[in-house]
């Protein structure tokens, strides 16, 4: 009978299962928490910037744009409702 000359060290895939120390686990947890909070704060900051940028864009280029300004409103009525009443309902005023 011939024995194979294997080195048993190469056959060991799992030798020892050691639990992490409490300090190392705390460090890992703290790193995950810090990363999560950083990502959450970053997402909120980006969303706030996009929101405020959208509000600024609408104010500057839509609501205050003279190209979109109403120059004149012509109100016609068949006589049942007065034209001043229609203007009052619509919130229109001169100027």
Protein backbone atom coordinates (compact mmCIF):
# COMPACT_ATOMS: atom_id res chain seq x y z
CA UNK A 1 0.00 0.00 0.00
CA UNK A 2 1.42 3.30 -1.09
CA UNK A 3 0.52 6.42 0.83
CA UNK A 4 -0.13 9.57 -1.10
CA UNK A 5 2.15 12.38 -0.16
CA UNK A 6 -0.40 15.10 0.33
CA UNK A 7 0.15 18.06 2.47
CA UNK A 8 -2.93 18.34 4.66
CA UNK A 9 -2.60 22.13 5.00
CA UNK A 10 -3.82 22.56 1.41
CA UNK A 11 -6.98 20.55 2.05
CA UNK A 12 -8.23 22.66 4.95
CA UNK A 13 -10.79 25.09 3.72
CA UNK A 14 -12.29 26.10 7.05
CA UNK A 15 -10.07 25.94 10.05
CA UNK A 16 -11.37 28.20 12.75
CA UNK A 17 -14.53 30.27 13.25
CA UNK A 18 -13.67 33.18 15.51
CA UNK A 19 -16.16 35.83 16.47
CA UNK A 20 -15.15 39.43 15.98
CA UNK A 21 -14.24 41.43 18.98
CA UNK A 22 -16.77 43.89 20.33
CA UNK A 23 -14.55 46.83 19.40
CA UNK A 24 -14.28 45.73 15.79
CA UNK A 25 -18.04 45.13 15.53
CA UNK A 26 -18.68 48.61 16.97
CA UNK A 27 -16.29 50.13 14.42
CA UNK A 28 -18.06 48.36 11.57
CA UNK A 29 -21.48 49.44 12.83
CA UNK A 30 -20.30 53.02 13.27
CA UNK A 31 -18.84 53.06 9.76
CA UNK A 32 -22.13 51.76 8.28
CA UNK A 33 -24.16 54.26 10.29
CA UNK A 34 -21.92 57.16 9.29
CA UNK A 35 -22.04 56.14 5.64
CA UNK A 36 -25.82 55.75 5.73
CA UNK A 37 -26.33 59.12 7.40
CA UNK A 38 -23.97 60.78 4.94
CA UNK A 39 -25.82 59.31 1.98
CA UNK A 40 -29.21 60.30 3.44
CA UNK A 41 -28.08 63.87 4.13
CA UNK A 42 -26.58 64.08 0.64
CA UNK A 43 -29.80 62.89 -0.99
CA UNK A 44 -31.88 65.37 1.02
CA UNK A 45 -29.47 68.19 0.14
CA UNK A 46 -29.59 67.38 -3.57
CA UNK A 47 -33.39 67.17 -3.49
CA UNK A 48 -33.60 70.55 -1.71
CA UNK A 49 -31.25 72.14 -4.25
CA UNK A 50 -33.25 70.75 -7.17
CA UNK A 51 -36.51 71.93 -5.60
CA UNK A 52 -35.23 75.45 -4.87
CA UNK A 53 -33.62 75.60 -8.30
CA UNK A 54 -36.94 74.67 -9.90
CA UNK A 55 -38.76 77.36 -7.93
CA UNK A 56 -36.15 79.94 -8.93
CA UNK A 57 -36.33 78.87 -12.59
CA UNK A 58 -40.12 79.16 -12.68
CA UNK A 59 -40.10 82.55 -10.97
CA UNK A 60 -37.36 83.95 -13.19
CA UNK A 61 -38.23 82.52 -16.58
CA UNK A 62 -41.98 81.86 -16.47
CA UNK A 63 -43.84 84.02 -13.95
CA UNK A 64 -41.80 87.23 -14.46
CA UNK A 65 -41.17 86.77 -18.17
CA UNK A 66 -42.67 89.68 -20.15
CA UNK A 67 -43.23 87.37 -23.13
CA UNK A 68 -45.85 85.48 -21.08
CA UNK A 69 -47.47 88.60 -19.59
CA UNK A 70 -51.14 89.20 -20.31
CA UNK A 71 -51.45 92.55 -22.03
CA UNK A 72 -55.21 92.81 -22.40
CA UNK A 73 -58.33 90.86 -21.45
CA UNK A 74 -61.48 91.35 -23.41
CA UNK A 75 -64.64 90.38 -21.56
CA UNK A 76 -67.84 89.89 -23.55
CA UNK A 77 -71.17 89.00 -22.09
CA UNK A 78 -74.65 88.35 -23.40
CA UNK A 79 -76.08 90.69 -20.78
CA UNK A 80 -77.08 88.13 -18.15
CA UNK A 81 -73.92 88.68 -16.09
CA UNK A 82 -72.25 92.06 -16.04
CA UNK A 83 -68.69 92.22 -17.38
CA UNK A 84 -67.52 93.87 -14.12
CA UNK A 85 -68.89 90.87 -12.22
CA UNK A 86 -66.95 88.48 -14.48
CA UNK A 87 -63.77 90.48 -13.93
CA UNK A 88 -64.35 90.42 -10.18
CA UNK A 89 -64.87 86.64 -10.19
CA UNK A 90 -61.68 86.17 -12.21
CA UNK A 91 -59.67 88.38 -9.89
CA UNK A 92 -58.75 90.69 -12.75
CA UNK A 93 -57.93 94.33 -12.23
CA UNK A 94 -56.53 97.06 -14.35
CA UNK A 95 -52.78 97.49 -14.43
